[in-house]
Protein backbone atom coordinates (compact mmCIF):
# COMPACT_ATOMS: atom_id res chain seq x y z
CA MET A 1 -36.49 -152.00 -10.56
CA ARG A 2 -37.03 -150.33 -7.19
CA THR A 3 -34.20 -148.56 -5.48
CA TYR A 4 -34.08 -148.09 -2.00
CA LYS A 5 -32.29 -145.18 -0.18
CA THR A 6 -29.62 -145.96 2.23
CA PHE A 7 -28.93 -144.03 5.58
CA SER A 8 -25.62 -143.41 7.05
CA ASP A 9 -27.20 -142.33 10.15
CA PRO A 10 -29.21 -144.78 12.08
CA VAL A 11 -31.14 -141.88 13.49
CA ASP A 12 -32.42 -140.72 10.18
CA ALA A 13 -33.44 -144.12 9.26
CA ALA A 14 -35.37 -144.39 12.41
CA PHE A 15 -37.17 -141.08 11.67
CA VAL A 16 -38.01 -142.10 8.29
CA ILE A 17 -39.44 -145.42 9.31
CA ALA A 18 -41.26 -143.88 12.21
CA GLY A 19 -42.76 -141.26 9.89
CA ARG A 20 -43.89 -143.82 7.27
CA LEU A 21 -45.57 -145.91 10.20
CA LEU A 22 -47.27 -142.90 11.67
CA ALA A 23 -48.55 -142.04 8.20
CA LEU A 24 -49.91 -145.71 7.82
CA LEU A 25 -51.42 -145.72 11.14
CA GLY A 26 -52.97 -142.30 10.60
CA PHE A 27 -54.57 -143.50 7.22
CA ALA A 28 -55.83 -146.65 8.83
CA THR A 29 -57.05 -144.75 11.87
CA MET A 30 -58.99 -142.29 9.53
CA LEU A 31 -60.51 -145.26 7.55
CA LEU A 32 -61.67 -146.82 10.82
CA ILE A 33 -63.37 -143.58 11.85
CA ALA A 34 -65.06 -143.15 8.53
CA ILE A 35 -66.40 -146.60 8.60
CA SER A 36 -67.70 -146.29 12.17
CA VAL A 37 -69.44 -142.84 11.31
CA VAL A 38 -71.18 -144.28 8.29
CA ARG A 39 -72.26 -147.40 10.25
CA VAL A 40 -73.47 -145.25 13.11
CA THR A 41 -75.00 -142.60 10.98
CA ALA A 42 -76.90 -145.53 9.08
CA ALA A 43 -77.96 -147.49 12.02
CA HIS A 44 -79.06 -144.37 14.11
CA ALA A 45 -81.03 -142.29 11.47
CA MET A 46 -83.41 -140.26 13.32
CA GLN A 47 -87.15 -140.89 12.55
CA GLY A 48 -89.09 -138.21 11.25
CA TRP A 49 -92.98 -137.57 11.16
CA THR A 50 -94.11 -141.02 11.40
CA THR A 51 -97.71 -142.19 11.79
CA CYS A 52 -99.26 -145.58 12.99
CA HIS A 53 -100.75 -146.24 9.67
CA ALA A 54 -98.46 -144.51 6.79
CA ALA A 55 -94.95 -144.77 5.91
CA GLY A 56 -92.60 -142.79 8.25
CA THR A 57 -89.78 -140.50 7.22
CA THR A 58 -86.02 -139.87 7.95
CA VAL A 59 -85.04 -136.54 9.48
CA THR A 60 -82.66 -134.74 7.06
CA SER A 61 -82.25 -131.61 9.20
CA ILE A 62 -83.28 -129.90 12.45
CA SER A 63 -82.75 -126.12 13.29
CA GLY A 64 -83.84 -123.81 16.12
CA ARG A 65 -84.58 -126.38 18.73
CA ASP A 66 -86.23 -124.98 22.06
CA THR A 67 -87.04 -121.56 20.12
CA ASN A 68 -90.13 -120.19 18.59
CA THR A 69 -88.87 -121.03 15.03
CA ALA A 70 -87.82 -124.85 15.54
CA LYS A 71 -87.93 -126.81 12.45
CA MET A 72 -87.55 -130.30 11.11
CA ILE A 73 -87.56 -131.48 7.59
CA SER A 74 -87.70 -135.20 6.95
CA ILE A 75 -88.17 -137.36 3.70
CA MET A 76 -89.56 -140.77 3.02
CA THR A 77 -86.89 -142.93 1.90
CA LEU A 78 -87.30 -146.42 0.01
CA PRO A 79 -86.49 -148.20 3.37
CA ASP A 80 -89.42 -146.17 4.97
CA ALA A 81 -91.65 -147.11 2.43
CA ILE A 82 -90.94 -150.67 2.28
CA GLU A 83 -91.07 -150.98 6.01
CA ALA A 84 -94.60 -149.56 5.84
CA CYS A 85 -95.76 -151.88 3.27
CA GLN A 86 -94.39 -154.89 5.31
CA ARG A 87 -95.96 -153.66 8.31
CA ASN A 88 -99.39 -152.85 6.83
CA GLU A 89 -99.82 -155.13 3.99
CA ASP A 90 -97.21 -158.09 4.85
CA LEU A 91 -95.91 -157.99 1.29
CA LYS A 92 -92.85 -159.68 -0.20
CA GLY A 93 -90.93 -159.77 -3.25
CA ALA A 94 -92.20 -157.95 -6.32
CA ALA A 95 -95.68 -156.89 -4.67
CA LEU A 96 -93.48 -155.30 -1.96
CA ARG A 97 -91.46 -153.31 -4.27
CA LYS A 98 -94.73 -152.10 -6.22
CA CYS A 99 -96.24 -151.00 -2.84
CA ALA A 100 -93.13 -149.04 -1.94
CA ASP A 101 -92.83 -147.42 -5.29
CA LYS A 102 -96.56 -146.27 -4.96
CA ALA A 103 -95.70 -144.56 -1.63
CA MET A 104 -92.68 -142.82 -2.92
CA ARG A 105 -94.58 -141.32 -5.94
CA GLY A 106 -94.90 -138.11 -4.00
CA GLY A 107 -91.31 -137.28 -4.39
CA ASP A 108 -88.50 -138.26 -6.94
CA TYR A 109 -87.06 -141.51 -7.77
CA SER A 110 -84.67 -141.67 -4.80
CA THR A 111 -86.78 -139.78 -2.06
CA GLY A 112 -90.56 -139.76 -1.37
CA PRO A 113 -92.60 -137.04 0.12
CA VAL A 114 -91.02 -134.18 2.15
CA VAL A 115 -92.45 -133.55 5.49
CA THR A 116 -91.73 -130.08 6.97
CA VAL A 117 -92.69 -129.43 10.84
CA TRP A 118 -92.40 -126.08 12.40
CA ALA A 119 -92.88 -125.69 16.37
CA ASN A 120 -93.09 -122.69 18.41
CA CYS A 121 -91.73 -123.94 21.80
CA GLU A 122 -92.94 -120.94 23.63
CA THR A 123 -96.59 -121.10 22.68
CA GLY A 124 -96.88 -124.86 22.54
CA THR A 125 -97.89 -124.96 18.85
CA LEU A 126 -96.87 -127.12 15.76
CA THR A 127 -97.48 -127.13 12.19
CA ALA A 128 -96.72 -130.01 9.71
CA GLU A 129 -97.17 -130.08 5.95
CA SER A 130 -95.94 -132.41 3.16
CA THR A 131 -96.16 -132.76 -0.49
CA HIS A 132 -99.19 -135.18 0.21
CA MET A 133 -100.89 -133.21 2.89
CA SER A 134 -102.06 -129.58 3.43
CA ALA A 135 -100.83 -128.16 6.69
CA ILE A 136 -102.15 -129.28 9.90
CA HIS A 137 -101.99 -127.28 12.97
CA PHE A 138 -101.67 -128.55 16.84
CA LYS A 139 -101.79 -126.55 19.99
CA PHE A 140 -100.65 -128.66 23.12
CA PRO A 141 -101.80 -130.61 24.87
CA ILE A 142 -103.15 -132.94 22.33
CA ALA A 143 -104.66 -136.56 22.29
CA GLY A 144 -101.80 -139.20 21.66
CA SER A 145 -103.96 -141.28 19.29
CA CYS A 146 -103.39 -142.46 15.81
CA ALA A 147 -106.17 -140.54 14.78
CA GLY A 148 -105.60 -136.96 13.51
CA TYR A 149 -101.65 -137.60 13.59
CA GLY A 150 -101.73 -136.96 17.35
CA GLU A 151 -98.85 -139.60 17.91
CA ALA A 152 -96.87 -138.22 15.23
CA ALA A 153 -97.23 -134.48 16.35
CA ILE A 154 -96.23 -135.42 19.89
CA GLU A 155 -93.19 -137.10 18.93
CA ALA A 156 -92.14 -134.32 16.49
CA PHE A 157 -92.75 -131.48 19.31
CA LYS A 158 -90.75 -133.39 21.79
CA THR A 159 -87.94 -133.67 19.25
CA LEU A 160 -88.14 -129.82 18.53
CA CYS A 161 -88.88 -128.63 21.96
CA PRO A 162 -87.24 -131.09 24.56
CA SER A 163 -87.21 -128.36 27.31
CA TYR A 164 -90.82 -127.33 26.83
CA LYS A 165 -92.26 -127.12 30.39
CA GLY A 166 -96.03 -127.07 29.37
CA LYS A 167 -98.24 -130.20 28.97
CA ILE A 168 -97.91 -132.10 25.67
CA GLU A 169 -100.37 -134.96 26.01
CA GLU A 170 -103.89 -134.81 27.21
CA ASP A 171 -104.69 -137.32 29.96
CA GLN A 172 -106.45 -140.44 28.59
C-alpha cells in the first residue's frame, strides 16, 4: 500500500510538486536531446576517403585542421560496403551481403579497412594509406579524376585544410 505525505503548509506542497515536475521535465528534455543527437550523428556522418569505384569510408576522427600535421582517420562500415556493392554491382539479398562481407575483410567483423590521411596544409601535400593500399602521396594541384584517387585526395584535402589558399585542382 502506498503512503502519501501530507503537507500542512500549501507552499511546501507547491515546492515539492514543482520540484517533481521540473525533475520530470528535465528527464524528458535530456531524453529528447539524446535522441536528437543520435539521429543527427547517424544521419550526418562525415564521409571519409571515398573513391568513385570502391567502397567509401566514414570519418572517425579529425585532428590538426589547417596545420602541417592535419590527420583524418576513417573506417569502412558495413553500410559503406553495402552502398558500394549496390552502386557497382546492383546486387540484392544474399548476394549483396556476400559482396559487402568480402569488402569488409580488410578489417575486423564490425569494421572494414581503416584509412589514414595526413595533410600538410602549409606545403599543400597529402598522404593516404589503408590496410588495403600502401601509402600514396599527392602534391597539389592535382587532377580531379577518378583515376589515381584524385577525387578522393581533393575532398580529403579540402576537409583537412579548409583555409588553404593555394590551388587544389588542376584546370581541366
